[in-house]
Structures are given as structure tokens and as C-alpha cells.
Amino acid sequence: MREPFKEYQGLLNERSTAAAVIFTLALMWSVGQVTFIGSLFVGAVAGAFLLQLEIKRRMERLENRRSAIREKRKSKSGSSVLLGANALDRLPSPLLLVDGDKKIAFANESARELLAAI
């Protein structure tokens, strides 16, 4: 449902709303129907529409911020895994991590030296 709104988003802004309000009031004035209630109704509809536009903009900004935070967390988690691997690699004791298929998933530098000597 977002896609149809995106197509017309350029048309839906504060200027077009103000123009529609002015046009509606001018049309009502030309046919002699400008009343306080009519003007109030047109203003309320325009205000509701502008409020809807502002909520939409804030939701988009919030989604952009969420995406940026997710990307930042992904990059941090990758770097923390790398930092942990570097810390394990520098241990003086040999360390092997074996996966479920009984294959070596990780070997620190001491373990690689020990295995190379065998």
C-alpha cells in the first residue's frame, strides 16, 4: 500500500493543500456559500490532511533512523567477532574449535604451529 502513495507524494504537500483550501473557499465564495461553518469544515479537513503528511514524514524519518541503527549494529557485531578471534589467536595455549561435522572451525596461532610440527 506504500507504493501508490509514493507515486502521488510529489502532489501531496503543504502547498497543494493550501492551494486546494484557497480554491475551495473561492469556489464557495463565488456561489455564495461561504459561511463560518463551511470555512471551519474546509480548514479542519486541510488541517487533518497536513497532520497526516507530518505523521508520514516522521514515520519515514524514524524508519531511516532504525535502518541506520541496524546497519551500525551489524558492523559492530562483525568487528566484535573479529576482535574476539584476534584475542583467541594470541592465546599462548593451543586452541581448536571443532564444529558439528568434526571439522576444525578455528585454530589459534599456537594450535597451527603445533599441528604444523606434527
N, C-alpha and C. Protein backbone atom coordinates (compact mmCIF):
# COMPACT_ATOMS: atom_id res chain seq x y z
N MET A 1 0.82 -1.20 0.00
CA MET A 1 0.00 0.00 0.00
C MET A 1 0.86 1.26 0.00
N ARG A 2 2.13 1.14 0.30
CA ARG A 2 3.02 2.29 0.30
C ARG A 2 3.30 2.79 -1.11
N GLU A 3 3.36 1.88 -2.08
CA GLU A 3 3.74 2.25 -3.42
C GLU A 3 2.79 3.26 -4.08
N PRO A 4 1.45 3.07 -4.03
CA PRO A 4 0.58 4.08 -4.65
C PRO A 4 0.76 5.45 -4.01
N PHE A 5 0.99 5.51 -2.71
CA PHE A 5 1.17 6.79 -2.06
C PHE A 5 2.45 7.45 -2.54
N LYS A 6 3.51 6.67 -2.76
CA LYS A 6 4.78 7.21 -3.23
C LYS A 6 4.62 7.85 -4.60
N GLU A 7 3.77 7.28 -5.46
CA GLU A 7 3.57 7.83 -6.80
C GLU A 7 3.00 9.24 -6.74
N TYR A 8 2.14 9.51 -5.79
CA TYR A 8 1.47 10.81 -5.70
C TYR A 8 2.07 11.70 -4.62
N GLN A 9 3.16 11.28 -4.01
CA GLN A 9 3.72 12.02 -2.90
C GLN A 9 4.16 13.42 -3.32
N GLY A 10 4.64 13.57 -4.54
CA GLY A 10 5.03 14.90 -5.03
C GLY A 10 3.86 15.85 -5.10
N LEU A 11 2.67 15.33 -5.31
CA LEU A 11 1.47 16.17 -5.41
C LEU A 11 0.91 16.53 -4.04
N LEU A 12 1.18 15.70 -3.06
CA LEU A 12 0.61 15.88 -1.74
C LEU A 12 1.61 16.56 -0.81
N ASN A 13 1.49 17.86 -0.69
CA ASN A 13 2.36 18.59 0.22
C ASN A 13 1.61 19.81 0.74
N GLU A 14 2.29 20.62 1.50
CA GLU A 14 1.63 21.77 2.12
C GLU A 14 1.13 22.77 1.09
N ARG A 15 1.90 23.00 0.04
CA ARG A 15 1.50 23.97 -0.99
C ARG A 15 0.23 23.54 -1.70
N SER A 16 0.17 22.24 -2.07
CA SER A 16 -1.02 21.78 -2.77
C SER A 16 -2.24 21.82 -1.85
N THR A 17 -2.03 21.57 -0.56
CA THR A 17 -3.14 21.64 0.39
C THR A 17 -3.62 23.07 0.53
N ALA A 18 -2.69 24.01 0.65
CA ALA A 18 -3.08 25.42 0.75
C ALA A 18 -3.80 25.87 -0.51
N ALA A 19 -3.32 25.43 -1.66
CA ALA A 19 -3.98 25.79 -2.92
C ALA A 19 -5.39 25.21 -2.98
N ALA A 20 -5.55 23.98 -2.52
CA ALA A 20 -6.88 23.35 -2.52
C ALA A 20 -7.83 24.09 -1.58
N VAL A 21 -7.33 24.52 -0.41
CA VAL A 21 -8.16 25.26 0.54
C VAL A 21 -8.58 26.59 -0.07
N ILE A 22 -7.64 27.31 -0.65
CA ILE A 22 -7.95 28.60 -1.27
C ILE A 22 -8.93 28.42 -2.41
N PHE A 23 -8.71 27.41 -3.24
CA PHE A 23 -9.63 27.15 -4.35
C PHE A 23 -11.03 26.82 -3.84
N THR A 24 -11.10 25.98 -2.82
CA THR A 24 -12.41 25.59 -2.27
C THR A 24 -13.13 26.80 -1.68
N LEU A 25 -12.40 27.61 -0.93
CA LEU A 25 -13.02 28.81 -0.35
C LEU A 25 -13.45 29.79 -1.43
N ALA A 26 -12.63 29.94 -2.48
CA ALA A 26 -13.00 30.83 -3.60
C ALA A 26 -14.24 30.30 -4.31
N LEU A 27 -14.30 29.00 -4.50
CA LEU A 27 -15.47 28.40 -5.14
C LEU A 27 -16.71 28.59 -4.28
N MET A 28 -16.57 28.39 -2.97
CA MET A 28 -17.70 28.58 -2.07
C MET A 28 -18.14 30.06 -2.07
N TRP A 29 -17.18 30.98 -2.10
CA TRP A 29 -17.49 32.40 -2.13
C TRP A 29 -18.21 32.78 -3.42
N SER A 30 -17.78 32.18 -4.56
CA SER A 30 -18.38 32.52 -5.85
C SER A 30 -19.84 32.08 -5.95
N VAL A 31 -20.21 31.04 -5.24
CA VAL A 31 -21.60 30.59 -5.29
C VAL A 31 -22.37 31.04 -4.05
N GLY A 32 -21.74 31.89 -3.25
CA GLY A 32 -22.42 32.45 -2.09
C GLY A 32 -22.59 31.50 -0.94
N GLN A 33 -21.73 30.53 -0.81
CA GLN A 33 -21.85 29.53 0.25
C GLN A 33 -20.77 29.65 1.32
N VAL A 34 -20.07 30.78 1.37
CA VAL A 34 -19.05 30.97 2.39
C VAL A 34 -19.75 31.26 3.70
N THR A 35 -19.62 30.35 4.61
CA THR A 35 -20.17 30.53 5.95
C THR A 35 -19.07 30.18 6.94
N PHE A 36 -19.30 30.53 8.18
CA PHE A 36 -18.32 30.22 9.20
C PHE A 36 -18.16 28.71 9.32
N ILE A 37 -19.27 27.98 9.30
CA ILE A 37 -19.22 26.51 9.43
C ILE A 37 -18.52 25.89 8.23
N GLY A 38 -18.82 26.39 7.04
CA GLY A 38 -18.17 25.86 5.83
C GLY A 38 -16.67 26.10 5.85
N SER A 39 -16.28 27.31 6.24
CA SER A 39 -14.84 27.63 6.31
C SER A 39 -14.16 26.79 7.38
N LEU A 40 -14.85 26.61 8.50
CA LEU A 40 -14.31 25.79 9.57
C LEU A 40 -14.12 24.35 9.11
N PHE A 41 -15.09 23.83 8.37
CA PHE A 41 -15.01 22.47 7.86
C PHE A 41 -13.84 22.31 6.90
N VAL A 42 -13.70 23.25 5.97
CA VAL A 42 -12.60 23.19 5.00
C VAL A 42 -11.26 23.28 5.74
N GLY A 43 -11.17 24.16 6.72
CA GLY A 43 -9.94 24.28 7.49
C GLY A 43 -9.62 23.02 8.27
N ALA A 44 -10.65 22.38 8.84
CA ALA A 44 -10.44 21.14 9.60
C ALA A 44 -9.96 20.01 8.69
N VAL A 45 -10.54 19.91 7.51
CA VAL A 45 -10.11 18.87 6.57
C VAL A 45 -8.66 19.12 6.14
N ALA A 46 -8.34 20.38 5.85
CA ALA A 46 -6.96 20.71 5.46
C ALA A 46 -5.99 20.45 6.61
N GLY A 47 -6.37 20.80 7.83
CA GLY A 47 -5.52 20.54 8.98
C GLY A 47 -5.29 19.06 9.20
N ALA A 48 -6.34 18.27 9.04
CA ALA A 48 -6.20 16.82 9.20
C ALA A 48 -5.26 16.25 8.14
N PHE A 49 -5.38 16.77 6.93
CA PHE A 49 -4.51 16.30 5.86
C PHE A 49 -3.06 16.67 6.13
N LEU A 50 -2.82 17.90 6.58
CA LEU A 50 -1.45 18.33 6.90
C LEU A 50 -0.87 17.52 8.07
N LEU A 51 -1.71 17.20 9.03
CA LEU A 51 -1.28 16.37 10.14
C LEU A 51 -0.88 14.97 9.67
N GLN A 52 -1.66 14.44 8.75
CA GLN A 52 -1.36 13.13 8.18
C GLN A 52 -0.02 13.16 7.44
N LEU A 53 0.23 14.23 6.69
CA LEU A 53 1.52 14.36 5.99
C LEU A 53 2.68 14.42 6.98
N GLU A 54 2.53 15.17 8.06
CA GLU A 54 3.59 15.30 9.05
C GLU A 54 3.85 13.96 9.74
N ILE A 55 2.81 13.22 10.05
CA ILE A 55 2.98 11.89 10.67
C ILE A 55 3.72 10.97 9.71
N LYS A 56 3.36 11.02 8.43
CA LYS A 56 4.02 10.19 7.42
C LYS A 56 5.51 10.52 7.35
N ARG A 57 5.85 11.81 7.33
CA ARG A 57 7.25 12.22 7.27
C ARG A 57 8.02 11.74 8.51
N ARG A 58 7.41 11.88 9.68
CA ARG A 58 8.08 11.45 10.90
C ARG A 58 8.28 9.94 10.93
N MET A 59 7.31 9.20 10.43
CA MET A 59 7.44 7.74 10.37
C MET A 59 8.58 7.35 9.43
N GLU A 60 8.70 8.04 8.29
CA GLU A 60 9.79 7.75 7.36
C GLU A 60 11.14 8.07 8.00
N ARG A 61 11.24 9.20 8.72
CA ARG A 61 12.49 9.55 9.40
C ARG A 61 12.83 8.50 10.46
N LEU A 62 11.82 8.05 11.19
CA LEU A 62 12.03 7.03 12.21
C LEU A 62 12.52 5.72 11.58
N GLU A 63 11.92 5.33 10.48
CA GLU A 63 12.35 4.11 9.79
C GLU A 63 13.78 4.25 9.27
N ASN A 64 14.13 5.43 8.77
CA ASN A 64 15.51 5.65 8.31
C ASN A 64 16.49 5.55 9.48
N ARG A 65 16.11 6.10 10.63
CA ARG A 65 16.98 6.01 11.81
C ARG A 65 17.12 4.57 12.28
N ARG A 66 16.02 3.81 12.24
CA ARG A 66 16.07 2.39 12.62
C ARG A 66 17.00 1.63 11.69
N SER A 67 16.91 1.90 10.40
CA SER A 67 17.78 1.22 9.44
C SER A 67 19.24 1.55 9.70
N ALA A 68 19.51 2.81 9.98
CA ALA A 68 20.89 3.22 10.26
C ALA A 68 21.41 2.53 11.52
N ILE A 69 20.58 2.42 12.54
CA ILE A 69 20.99 1.75 13.78
C ILE A 69 21.23 0.27 13.53
N ARG A 70 20.36 -0.37 12.73
CA ARG A 70 20.55 -1.79 12.41
C ARG A 70 21.89 -2.00 11.68
N GLU A 71 22.17 -1.14 10.70
CA GLU A 71 23.43 -1.26 9.96
C GLU A 71 24.63 -1.06 10.88
N LYS A 72 24.51 -0.10 11.79
CA LYS A 72 25.61 0.16 12.73
C LYS A 72 25.83 -1.05 13.64
N ARG A 73 24.73 -1.66 14.10
CA ARG A 73 24.85 -2.84 14.95
C ARG A 73 25.48 -4.01 14.20
N LYS A 74 25.10 -4.16 12.92
CA LYS A 74 25.69 -5.24 12.12
C LYS A 74 27.19 -5.05 12.00
N SER A 75 27.61 -3.83 11.73
CA SER A 75 29.05 -3.59 11.57
C SER A 75 29.78 -3.76 12.90
N LYS A 76 29.14 -3.36 14.01
CA LYS A 76 29.77 -3.54 15.32
C LYS A 76 29.88 -5.00 15.68
N SER A 77 28.84 -5.79 15.39
CA SER A 77 28.88 -7.20 15.76
C SER A 77 29.96 -7.92 14.97
N GLY A 78 30.14 -7.57 13.72
CA GLY A 78 31.20 -8.17 12.92
C GLY A 78 32.58 -7.82 13.46
N SER A 79 32.75 -6.58 13.88
CA SER A 79 34.05 -6.18 14.42
C SER A 79 34.31 -6.80 15.78
N SER A 80 33.27 -7.01 16.59
CA SER A 80 33.48 -7.64 17.90
C SER A 80 33.83 -9.12 17.73
N VAL A 81 33.26 -9.78 16.73
CA VAL A 81 33.63 -11.17 16.45
C VAL A 81 35.08 -11.22 16.00
N LEU A 82 35.48 -10.28 15.17
CA LEU A 82 36.86 -10.22 14.71
C LEU A 82 37.80 -9.94 15.88
N LEU A 83 37.40 -9.04 16.76
CA LEU A 83 38.21 -8.74 17.94
C LEU A 83 38.36 -9.97 18.82
N GLY A 84 37.27 -10.72 19.00
CA GLY A 84 37.32 -11.95 19.79
C GLY A 84 38.22 -12.99 19.14
N ALA A 85 38.15 -13.11 17.82
CA ALA A 85 39.01 -14.07 17.11
C ALA A 85 40.47 -13.67 17.26
N ASN A 86 40.77 -12.39 17.18
CA ASN A 86 42.15 -11.93 17.36
C ASN A 86 42.64 -12.22 18.77
N ALA A 87 41.78 -12.04 19.76
CA ALA A 87 42.16 -12.31 21.14
C ALA A 87 42.44 -13.80 21.34
N LEU A 88 41.59 -14.66 20.75
CA LEU A 88 41.82 -16.11 20.85
C LEU A 88 43.07 -16.52 20.11
N ASP A 89 43.35 -15.86 19.01
CA ASP A 89 44.53 -16.20 18.21
C ASP A 89 45.82 -15.92 18.97
N ARG A 90 45.80 -14.98 19.87
CA ARG A 90 47.02 -14.59 20.60
C ARG A 90 47.21 -15.37 21.92
N LEU A 91 46.30 -16.27 22.23
CA LEU A 91 46.48 -17.07 23.44
C LEU A 91 47.73 -17.93 23.31
N PRO A 92 48.49 -18.08 24.39
CA PRO A 92 49.71 -18.91 24.31
C PRO A 92 49.42 -20.40 24.23
N SER A 93 48.27 -20.82 24.71
CA SER A 93 47.90 -22.24 24.67
C SER A 93 47.23 -22.56 23.35
N PRO A 94 47.46 -23.75 22.82
CA PRO A 94 46.77 -24.14 21.58
C PRO A 94 45.26 -24.25 21.81
N LEU A 95 44.49 -23.75 20.85
CA LEU A 95 43.04 -23.77 20.98
C LEU A 95 42.44 -24.18 19.64
N LEU A 96 41.60 -25.21 19.67
CA LEU A 96 40.88 -25.67 18.49
C LEU A 96 39.39 -25.58 18.76
N LEU A 97 38.64 -25.06 17.81
CA LEU A 97 37.18 -25.10 17.87
C LEU A 97 36.72 -26.04 16.77
N VAL A 98 35.95 -27.05 17.16
CA VAL A 98 35.50 -28.08 16.23
C VAL A 98 34.00 -27.94 16.05
N ASP A 99 33.53 -27.98 14.78
CA ASP A 99 32.09 -27.83 14.52
C ASP A 99 31.38 -29.18 14.64
N GLY A 100 30.10 -29.22 14.34
CA GLY A 100 29.30 -30.43 14.47
C GLY A 100 29.71 -31.54 13.53
N ASP A 101 30.35 -31.21 12.42
CA ASP A 101 30.82 -32.22 11.46
C ASP A 101 32.22 -32.72 11.78
N LYS A 102 32.69 -32.38 12.97
CA LYS A 102 34.01 -32.78 13.44
C LYS A 102 35.13 -32.22 12.56
N LYS A 103 34.92 -31.00 12.08
CA LYS A 103 35.93 -30.30 11.31
C LYS A 103 36.40 -29.12 12.13
N ILE A 104 37.66 -28.76 11.94
CA ILE A 104 38.22 -27.63 12.68
C ILE A 104 37.63 -26.34 12.13
N ALA A 105 36.91 -25.62 12.99
CA ALA A 105 36.32 -24.35 12.60
C ALA A 105 37.28 -23.19 12.87
N PHE A 106 38.10 -23.34 13.91
CA PHE A 106 39.06 -22.30 14.26
C PHE A 106 40.24 -22.92 14.96
N ALA A 107 41.42 -22.44 14.62
CA ALA A 107 42.64 -22.86 15.32
C ALA A 107 43.47 -21.60 15.55
N ASN A 108 43.86 -21.38 16.79
CA ASN A 108 44.68 -20.20 17.04
C ASN A 108 46.11 -20.44 16.57
N GLU A 109 46.94 -19.42 16.68
CA GLU A 109 48.30 -19.49 16.15
C GLU A 109 49.11 -20.61 16.81
N SER A 110 48.97 -20.76 18.12
CA SER A 110 49.70 -21.83 18.82
C SER A 110 49.28 -23.20 18.33
N ALA A 111 47.98 -23.39 18.08
CA ALA A 111 47.49 -24.68 17.59
C ALA A 111 47.98 -24.92 16.17
N ARG A 112 48.02 -23.92 15.34
CA ARG A 112 48.50 -24.08 13.96
C ARG A 112 49.99 -24.45 13.96
N GLU A 113 50.77 -23.82 14.84
CA GLU A 113 52.18 -24.17 14.93
C GLU A 113 52.36 -25.60 15.40
N LEU A 114 51.56 -26.02 16.38
CA LEU A 114 51.64 -27.38 16.90
C LEU A 114 51.26 -28.39 15.83
N LEU A 115 50.19 -28.12 15.08
CA LEU A 115 49.74 -29.03 14.03
C LEU A 115 50.74 -29.07 12.87
N ALA A 116 51.39 -27.95 12.62
CA ALA A 116 52.38 -27.93 11.52
C ALA A 116 53.61 -28.75 11.88
N ALA A 117 53.90 -28.82 13.20
CA ALA A 117 55.07 -29.58 13.65
C ALA A 117 54.82 -31.07 13.61
N ILE A 118 53.56 -31.49 13.56
CA ILE A 118 53.23 -32.93 13.57
C ILE A 118 53.36 -33.51 12.19
